[in-house]
C-alpha atoms as a PDB file:
ATOM      1  CA  UNK A   1      11.073 -27.468  54.251  1.00  0.00           C
ATOM      2  CA  UNK A   2      13.954 -28.975  52.321  1.00  0.00           C
ATOM      3  CA  UNK A   3      17.376 -29.275  53.903  1.00  0.00           C
ATOM      4  CA  UNK A   4      20.464 -29.092  51.707  1.00  0.00           C
ATOM      5  CA  UNK A   5      23.168 -29.527  54.280  1.00  0.00           C
ATOM      6  CA  UNK A   6      25.151 -31.947  56.350  1.00  0.00           C
ATOM      7  CA  UNK A   7      23.359 -31.214  59.608  1.00  0.00           C
ATOM      8  CA  UNK A   8      22.598 -33.872  62.123  1.00  0.00           C
ATOM      9  CA  UNK A   9      19.054 -34.478  63.319  1.00  0.00           C
ATOM     10  CA  UNK A  10      19.517 -32.539  66.573  1.00  0.00           C
ATOM     11  CA  UNK A  11      20.769 -29.457  64.725  1.00  0.00           C
ATOM     12  CA  UNK A  12      17.840 -29.590  62.318  1.00  0.00           C
ATOM     13  CA  UNK A  13      15.395 -29.886  65.213  1.00  0.00           C
ATOM     14  CA  UNK A  14      16.997 -26.917  66.999  1.00  0.00           C
ATOM     15  CA  UNK A  15      16.868 -24.760  63.865  1.00  0.00           C
ATOM     16  CA  UNK A  16      13.230 -25.759  63.288  1.00  0.00           C
ATOM     17  CA  UNK A  17      12.451 -24.758  66.886  1.00  0.00           C
ATOM     18  CA  UNK A  18      13.981 -21.343  66.323  1.00  0.00           C
ATOM     19  CA  UNK A  19      12.060 -20.889  63.062  1.00  0.00           C
ATOM     20  CA  UNK A  20       8.871 -21.972  64.841  1.00  0.00           C
ATOM     21  CA  UNK A  21       9.420 -19.072  67.256  1.00  0.00           C
ATOM     22  CA  UNK A  22       9.443 -16.566  64.378  1.00  0.00           C
ATOM     23  CA  UNK A  23       5.844 -15.395  64.125  1.00  0.00           C
ATOM     24  CA  UNK A  24       4.152 -13.535  61.321  1.00  0.00           C
ATOM     25  CA  UNK A  25       4.269  -9.879  62.422  1.00  0.00           C
ATOM     26  CA  UNK A  26       0.649  -9.321  61.411  1.00  0.00           C
ATOM     27  CA  UNK A  27      -0.729 -12.602  62.827  1.00  0.00           C
ATOM     28  CA  UNK A  28       1.308 -13.341  65.932  1.00  0.00           C
ATOM     29  CA  UNK A  29      -0.287 -16.728  66.562  1.00  0.00           C
ATOM     30  CA  UNK A  30       1.272 -18.387  63.501  1.00  0.00           C
ATOM     31  CA  UNK A  31       4.903 -19.045  62.649  1.00  0.00           C
ATOM     32  CA  UNK A  32       6.614 -18.689  59.305  1.00  0.00           C
ATOM     33  CA  UNK A  33       6.985 -22.487  59.323  1.00  0.00           C
ATOM     34  CA  UNK A  34       3.243 -23.010  59.807  1.00  0.00           C
ATOM     35  CA  UNK A  35       2.554 -20.495  57.026  1.00  0.00           C
ATOM     36  CA  UNK A  36       4.787 -22.541  54.735  1.00  0.00           C
ATOM     37  CA  UNK A  37       7.091 -19.633  54.001  1.00  0.00           C
ATOM     38  CA  UNK A  38      10.334 -21.578  54.485  1.00  0.00           C
ATOM     39  CA  UNK A  39      11.128 -23.252  51.192  1.00  0.00           C
ATOM     40  CA  UNK A  40      14.582 -24.560  52.048  1.00  0.00           C
ATOM     41  CA  UNK A  41      17.543 -24.153  54.360  1.00  0.00           C
ATOM     42  CA  UNK A  42      21.212 -24.653  53.662  1.00  0.00           C
ATOM     43  CA  UNK A  43      24.006 -24.821  56.207  1.00  0.00           C
ATOM     44  CA  UNK A  44      27.654 -24.594  55.327  1.00  0.00           C
ATOM     45  CA  UNK A  45      30.551 -23.820  57.657  1.00  0.00           C
ATOM     46  CA  UNK A  46      28.269 -22.282  60.285  1.00  0.00           C
ATOM     47  CA  UNK A  47      26.401 -20.093  57.799  1.00  0.00           C
ATOM     48  CA  UNK A  48      22.692 -20.773  57.613  1.00  0.00           C
ATOM     49  CA  UNK A  49      20.944 -19.598  54.454  1.00  0.00           C
ATOM     50  CA  UNK A  50      17.156 -19.552  54.523  1.00  0.00           C
ATOM     51  CA  UNK A  51      15.096 -19.285  51.356  1.00  0.00           C
ATOM     52  CA  UNK A  52      11.668 -17.842  52.144  1.00  0.00           C
ATOM     53  CA  UNK A  53       8.568 -17.456  50.000  1.00  0.00           C
ATOM     54  CA  UNK A  54       6.621 -14.227  50.610  1.00  0.00           C
ATOM     55  CA  UNK A  55       2.896 -14.827  50.920  1.00  0.00           C
ATOM     56  CA  UNK A  56       2.268 -11.911  48.530  1.00  0.00           C
ATOM     57  CA  UNK A  57       4.454  -9.769  46.290  1.00  0.00           C
ATOM     58  CA  UNK A  58       5.299  -6.514  47.989  1.00  0.00           C
ATOM     59  CA  UNK A  59       4.453  -7.782  51.472  1.00  0.00           C
ATOM     60  CA  UNK A  60       5.441  -4.939  53.825  1.00  0.00           C
ATOM     61  CA  UNK A  61       6.315  -7.366  56.625  1.00  0.00           C
ATOM     62  CA  UNK A  62       9.343  -8.952  54.915  1.00  0.00           C
ATOM     63  CA  UNK A  63      11.909  -6.662  56.554  1.00  0.00           C
ATOM     64  CA  UNK A  64      10.373  -7.336  59.962  1.00  0.00           C
ATOM     65  CA  UNK A  65      10.435 -11.098  59.332  1.00  0.00           C
ATOM     66  CA  UNK A  66      14.089 -10.949  58.272  1.00  0.00           C
ATOM     67  CA  UNK A  67      15.066  -8.889  61.328  1.00  0.00           C
ATOM     68  CA  UNK A  68      13.181 -11.270  63.629  1.00  0.00           C
ATOM     69  CA  UNK A  69      14.943 -14.285  62.095  1.00  0.00           C
ATOM     70  CA  UNK A  70      18.378 -12.691  62.481  1.00  0.00           C
ATOM     71  CA  UNK A  71      17.626 -11.849  66.121  1.00  0.00           C
ATOM     72  CA  UNK A  72      16.252 -15.346  66.833  1.00  0.00           C
ATOM     73  CA  UNK A  73      19.497 -17.003  65.756  1.00  0.00           C
ATOM     74  CA  UNK A  74      21.912 -14.763  67.714  1.00  0.00           C
ATOM     75  CA  UNK A  75      22.521 -17.303  70.505  1.00  0.00           C
ATOM     76  CA  UNK A  76      22.398 -20.563  68.544  1.00  0.00           C
ATOM     77  CA  UNK A  77      25.833 -22.147  68.774  1.00  0.00           C
ATOM     78  CA  UNK A  78      25.566 -24.114  65.521  1.00  0.00           C
ATOM     79  CA  UNK A  79      24.907 -20.917  63.555  1.00  0.00           C
ATOM     80  CA  UNK A  80      27.574 -18.225  63.141  1.00  0.00           C
ATOM     81  CA  UNK A  81      25.819 -16.253  60.427  1.00  0.00           C
ATOM     82  CA  UNK A  82      22.327 -16.175  58.898  1.00  0.00           C
ATOM     83  CA  UNK A  83      21.397 -15.129  55.373  1.00  0.00           C
ATOM     84  CA  UNK A  84      17.739 -14.641  54.540  1.00  0.00           C
ATOM     85  CA  UNK A  85      16.743 -14.655  50.883  1.00  0.00           C
ATOM     86  CA  UNK A  86      13.223 -14.042  49.654  1.00  0.00           C
ATOM     87  CA  UNK A  87      12.514 -16.033  46.527  1.00  0.00           C
ATOM     88  CA  UNK A  88       9.486 -16.201  44.263  1.00  0.00           C
ATOM     89  CA  UNK A  89       9.859 -19.632  42.724  1.00  0.00           C
ATOM     90  CA  UNK A  90       8.069 -21.775  43.497  1.00  0.00           C
ATOM     91  CA  UNK A  91       5.381 -19.242  44.317  1.00  0.00           C
ATOM     92  CA  UNK A  92       3.831 -19.413  47.769  1.00  0.00           C
ATOM     93  CA  UNK A  93       0.269 -20.715  47.752  1.00  0.00           C
ATOM     94  CA  UNK A  94      -2.231 -21.032  50.569  1.00  0.00           C
ATOM     95  CA  UNK A  95      -1.893 -24.824  50.210  1.00  0.00           C
ATOM     96  CA  UNK A  96       1.451 -24.494  52.004  1.00  0.00           C
ATOM     97  CA  UNK A  97      -0.215 -23.560  55.316  1.00  0.00           C
ATOM     98  CA  UNK A  98       0.096 -26.533  57.656  1.00  0.00           C
ATOM     99  CA  UNK A  99      -2.856 -28.062  59.487  1.00  0.00           C
ATOM    100  CA  UNK A 100      -1.470 -26.590  62.721  1.00  0.00           C
ATOM    101  CA  UNK A 101      -1.227 -23.237  60.952  1.00  0.00           C
ATOM    102  CA  UNK A 102      -4.893 -23.416  59.973  1.00  0.00           C
ATOM    103  CA  UNK A 103      -5.779 -24.005  63.625  1.00  0.00           C
ATOM    104  CA  UNK A 104      -3.649 -21.021  64.691  1.00  0.00           C
ATOM    105  CA  UNK A 105      -5.337 -18.772  62.117  1.00  0.00           C
ATOM    106  CA  UNK A 106      -8.761 -19.794  63.368  1.00  0.00           C
ATOM    107  CA  UNK A 107      -7.736 -19.146  66.999  1.00  0.00           C
ATOM    108  CA  UNK A 108      -6.678 -15.655  65.918  1.00  0.00           C
ATOM    109  CA  UNK A 109     -10.108 -15.088  64.345  1.00  0.00           C
ATOM    110  CA  UNK A 110      -9.030 -15.514  60.732  1.00  0.00           C
ATOM    111  CA  UNK A 111     -10.629 -18.175  58.576  1.00  0.00           C
ATOM    112  CA  UNK A 112      -8.070 -20.454  56.955  1.00  0.00           C
ATOM    113  CA  UNK A 113      -7.894 -20.369  53.167  1.00  0.00           C
ATOM    114  CA  UNK A 114     -11.243 -20.855  51.527  1.00  0.00           C
ATOM    115  CA  UNK A 115     -12.253 -24.179  50.050  1.00  0.00           C
ATOM    116  CA  UNK A 116     -13.511 -24.686  46.517  1.00  0.00           C
ATOM    117  CA  UNK A 117     -17.044 -26.069  46.475  1.00  0.00           C
ATOM    118  CA  UNK A 118     -18.215 -28.563  43.907  1.00  0.00           C
ATOM    119  CA  UNK A 119     -17.456 -28.116  40.261  1.00  0.00           C
ATOM    120  CA  UNK A 120     -18.600 -24.499  39.986  1.00  0.00           C
ATOM    121  CA  UNK A 121     -15.272 -23.009  41.037  1.00  0.00           C
ATOM    122  CA  UNK A 122     -16.911 -21.036  43.844  1.00  0.00           C
ATOM    123  CA  UNK A 123     -15.054 -20.606  47.113  1.00  0.00           C
ATOM    124  CA  UNK A 124     -16.318 -20.910  50.683  1.00  0.00           C
ATOM    125  CA  UNK A 125     -14.839 -19.945  54.018  1.00  0.00           C
ATOM    126  CA  UNK A 126     -16.093 -21.245  57.340  1.00  0.00           C
ATOM    127  CA  UNK A 127     -16.675 -18.637  60.035  1.00  0.00           C
ATOM    128  CA  UNK A 128     -13.835 -18.889  62.597  1.00  0.00           C
ATOM    129  CA  UNK A 129     -16.300 -18.057  65.397  1.00  0.00           C
ATOM    130  CA  UNK A 130     -19.219 -20.412  64.805  1.00  0.00           C
ATOM    131  CA  UNK A 131     -17.978 -22.703  62.008  1.00  0.00           C
ATOM    132  CA  UNK A 132     -20.891 -21.877  59.691  1.00  0.00           C
ATOM    133  CA  UNK A 133     -20.431 -21.984  55.929  1.00  0.00           C
ATOM    134  CA  UNK A 134     -23.314 -19.520  55.544  1.00  0.00           C
ATOM    135  CA  UNK A 135     -20.845 -16.726  54.779  1.00  0.00           C
ATOM    136  CA  UNK A 136     -20.426 -14.116  52.090  1.00  0.00           C
ATOM    137  CA  UNK A 137     -17.495 -12.173  50.720  1.00  0.00           C
ATOM    138  CA  UNK A 138     -17.945  -8.607  51.934  1.00  0.00           C
ATOM    139  CA  UNK A 139     -14.738  -7.152  50.508  1.00  0.00           C
ATOM    140  CA  UNK A 140     -11.970  -8.834  48.545  1.00  0.00           C
ATOM    141  CA  UNK A 141      -9.555  -6.321  50.037  1.00  0.00           C
ATOM    142  CA  UNK A 142      -8.831  -6.775  53.729  1.00  0.00           C
ATOM    143  CA  UNK A 143      -6.329  -5.094  56.047  1.00  0.00           C
ATOM    144  CA  UNK A 144      -3.446  -6.819  54.270  1.00  0.00           C
ATOM    145  CA  UNK A 145      -2.904  -8.128  50.750  1.00  0.00           C
ATOM    146  CA  UNK A 146      -3.295 -11.719  51.903  1.00  0.00           C
ATOM    147  CA  UNK A 147      -6.699 -11.337  53.615  1.00  0.00           C
ATOM    148  CA  UNK A 148     -10.298 -10.553  52.657  1.00  0.00           C
ATOM    149  CA  UNK A 149     -13.295  -9.463  54.730  1.00  0.00           C
ATOM    150  CA  UNK A 150     -16.245 -11.842  54.976  1.00  0.00           C
ATOM    151  CA  UNK A 151     -19.538 -11.816  56.850  1.00  0.00           C
ATOM    152  CA  UNK A 152     -21.173 -14.723  58.664  1.00  0.00           C
ATOM    153  CA  UNK A 153     -24.930 -14.763  58.174  1.00  0.00           C
ATOM    154  CA  UNK A 154     -25.331 -17.265  61.022  1.00  0.00           C
ATOM    155  CA  UNK A 155     -23.632 -15.485  63.932  1.00  0.00           C
ATOM    156  CA  UNK A 156     -23.724 -12.026  62.275  1.00  0.00           C
ATOM    157  CA  UNK A 157     -20.002 -11.402  62.706  1.00  0.00           C
ATOM    158  CA  UNK A 158     -17.620  -9.970  60.146  1.00  0.00           C
ATOM    159  CA  UNK A 159     -14.326 -11.816  59.935  1.00  0.00           C
ATOM    160  CA  UNK A 160     -11.139 -11.984  57.945  1.00  0.00           C
ATOM    161  CA  UNK A 161     -10.119 -14.916  55.780  1.00  0.00           C
ATOM    162  CA  UNK A 162      -6.819 -15.793  54.196  1.00  0.00           C
ATOM    163  CA  UNK A 163      -7.138 -15.398  50.457  1.00  0.00           C
ATOM    164  CA  UNK A 164      -6.642 -18.591  48.553  1.00  0.00           C
ATOM    165  CA  UNK A 165      -3.826 -18.028  46.129  1.00  0.00           C
ATOM    166  CA  UNK A 166      -5.312 -19.328  42.915  1.00  0.00           C
ATOM    167  CA  UNK A 167      -6.542 -18.170  39.550  1.00  0.00           C
ATOM    168  CA  UNK A 168      -9.805 -16.704  40.878  1.00  0.00           C
ATOM    169  CA  UNK A 169      -8.238 -13.359  41.850  1.00  0.00           C
END
């Protein structure tokens, strides 16, 4: 996240802590910070403006995320008002998910974004249950726009995986 404000270190840490408490409404083990949704924050005269990148265009959870952010900042003395703006440049990509975020996804039973293998341009996702790469794409379309359904041929479990945001889709 990029700060464009005259905040001291303690204020930045406190605001980061609050943002860390704002979880994705569909995956409650991961925060919007870990997902890499927060592009930048600006603070001026007690007004905090957050610029967020939606993971997918038309994400139905954006209103819930905004409401949760506004509620999370109600008792923060440094912040008198919060503005949440959803922006589309730069576009969100799955590369923005932090290493901690990838761990949280796996704990939730969702494979982190798939990895490109070799020079063929093929993608692979490790099973979040057994770690096997012996997996296949079962359905590109999962329960949300940002996830697909895969099947692990090792442990015989279906699982969801975050879609890599790239040119393959």
